[in-house]
Amino acid sequence: MTPDLHTETPMSSKPVPGPANFDDDDYPAFTMGRAAEMLGTTPGFLRSLDEAKLITPQRSEGGHRRYSRYQLRLAARARELVDQGTALEAACRIIILEDQLDEALRINEQLRNKD
């Protein structure tokens, strides 16, 4: 499975919390437990998305998974597709393709606006 096109900022050894991170979609603000609670799913489902290489959560200094808002949106979409009966691997592929299409459309729009 190919990784998504969205690039994330690598987590430094000590992320600097604060208001600047409130609007950062890539800031790893959510623990696995909180992410699972927000999505109405289990930590096991989130781990399965990591194993399927849809999302790779960053790790805290203690080794705990930390999720960004962007990753939670992907996880929510995966849950939606799986709940509709789509196999997890197929759901991950669909999401990756959707993400790649969104990125291509965004780039095309930027190029059109340059003229």
Protein backbone atom coordinates (compact mmCIF):
# COMPACT_ATOMS: atom_id res chain seq x y z
CA MET A 1 0.00 0.00 0.00
CA THR A 2 1.35 3.42 -0.89
CA PRO A 3 1.49 6.17 1.71
CA ASP A 4 -0.72 9.21 1.32
CA LEU A 5 0.63 12.38 -0.30
CA HIS A 6 -0.04 14.59 2.68
CA THR A 7 3.28 15.31 4.30
CA GLU A 8 3.41 15.66 8.02
CA THR A 9 5.86 17.58 10.08
CA PRO A 10 8.04 15.10 11.98
CA MET A 11 7.56 15.27 15.70
CA SER A 12 10.58 16.86 17.31
CA SER A 13 11.88 15.40 20.53
CA LYS A 14 9.90 18.03 22.42
CA PRO A 15 6.97 19.58 20.55
CA VAL A 16 6.27 23.07 21.73
CA PRO A 17 2.62 23.22 22.82
CA GLY A 18 0.75 26.44 22.59
CA PRO A 19 -1.72 28.51 20.60
CA ALA A 20 0.36 28.26 17.41
CA ASN A 21 -0.45 24.53 17.28
CA PHE A 22 -4.23 24.91 17.65
CA ASP A 23 -4.71 25.33 13.90
CA ASP A 24 -2.01 22.86 12.82
CA ASP A 25 -3.66 19.79 11.27
CA ASP A 26 -0.42 17.85 11.62
CA TYR A 27 0.26 18.55 15.29
CA PRO A 28 0.06 15.21 17.18
CA ALA A 29 -2.33 16.42 19.86
CA PHE A 30 -4.41 13.31 20.57
CA THR A 31 -3.53 10.17 22.48
CA MET A 32 -4.75 6.84 21.18
CA GLY A 33 -7.43 6.62 23.86
CA ARG A 34 -8.73 10.12 23.16
CA ALA A 35 -8.62 9.54 19.39
CA ALA A 36 -10.57 6.28 19.72
CA GLU A 37 -13.11 7.98 21.98
CA MET A 38 -13.57 10.88 19.56
CA LEU A 39 -14.09 8.48 16.64
CA GLY A 40 -16.32 6.09 18.54
CA THR A 41 -13.99 3.20 17.79
CA THR A 42 -11.42 1.08 19.59
CA PRO A 43 -7.67 1.51 19.98
CA GLY A 44 -7.38 -1.79 18.08
CA PHE A 45 -9.03 -0.23 15.03
CA LEU A 46 -6.51 2.61 15.13
CA ARG A 47 -3.66 0.12 15.42
CA SER A 48 -5.04 -1.74 12.39
CA LEU A 49 -4.88 1.50 10.37
CA ASP A 50 -1.24 1.84 11.40
CA GLU A 51 -0.56 -1.79 10.37
CA ALA A 52 -2.31 -1.14 7.03
CA LYS A 53 -0.05 1.92 6.60
CA LEU A 54 -2.94 4.34 6.19
CA ILE A 55 -1.78 6.45 9.10
CA THR A 56 1.46 6.33 11.03
CA PRO A 57 0.99 8.10 14.33
CA GLN A 58 3.88 9.96 15.79
CA ARG A 59 5.26 8.76 19.10
CA SER A 60 5.71 10.63 22.33
CA GLU A 61 9.00 10.42 24.19
CA GLY A 62 7.46 7.55 26.17
CA GLY A 63 6.59 5.69 22.95
CA HIS A 64 2.83 6.35 23.04
CA ARG A 65 0.98 6.93 19.79
CA ARG A 66 -0.12 10.51 19.14
CA TYR A 67 -2.58 11.43 16.37
CA SER A 68 -3.09 14.64 14.45
CA ARG A 69 -6.42 16.06 13.32
CA TYR A 70 -5.54 15.12 9.75
CA GLN A 71 -4.95 11.52 10.80
CA LEU A 72 -8.25 11.50 12.71
CA ARG A 73 -10.07 12.61 9.55
CA LEU A 74 -8.52 9.70 7.65
CA ALA A 75 -9.42 7.30 10.47
CA ALA A 76 -13.00 8.60 10.53
CA ARG A 77 -13.30 8.03 6.78
CA ALA A 78 -11.87 4.51 7.19
CA ARG A 79 -14.39 3.75 9.89
CA GLU A 80 -17.21 5.04 7.70
CA LEU A 81 -16.17 2.78 4.81
CA VAL A 82 -15.63 -0.27 7.05
CA ASP A 83 -19.01 0.30 8.70
CA GLN A 84 -20.54 0.23 5.19
CA GLY A 85 -19.02 -3.20 4.60
CA THR A 86 -15.80 -2.29 2.79
CA ALA A 87 -12.80 -4.45 3.66
CA LEU A 88 -10.13 -2.58 5.62
CA GLU A 89 -7.45 -2.90 2.92
CA ALA A 90 -9.88 -1.68 0.25
CA ALA A 91 -11.00 1.19 2.49
CA CYS A 92 -7.39 2.24 2.99
CA ARG A 93 -6.74 2.19 -0.75
CA ILE A 94 -9.88 4.24 -1.42
CA ILE A 95 -8.84 6.83 1.16
CA ILE A 96 -5.32 7.08 -0.27
CA LEU A 97 -6.72 7.62 -3.75
CA GLU A 98 -9.19 10.22 -2.46
CA ASP A 99 -6.34 12.02 -0.69
CA GLN A 100 -4.17 11.96 -3.82
CA LEU A 101 -7.03 13.33 -5.92
CA ASP A 102 -7.68 16.14 -3.40
CA GLU A 103 -3.98 17.05 -3.48
CA ALA A 104 -3.87 17.06 -7.29
CA LEU A 105 -6.98 19.24 -7.46
CA ARG A 106 -5.48 21.64 -4.92
CA ILE A 107 -2.25 21.91 -6.93
CA ASN A 108 -4.18 22.44 -10.18
CA GLU A 109 -6.19 25.23 -8.55
CA GLN A 110 -3.00 26.91 -7.33
CA LEU A 111 -1.48 26.71 -10.80
CA ARG A 112 -4.62 28.19 -12.38
CA ASN A 113 -4.56 31.08 -9.92
CA LYS A 114 -0.91 31.91 -10.73
CA ASP A 115 -1.86 33.11 -14.21
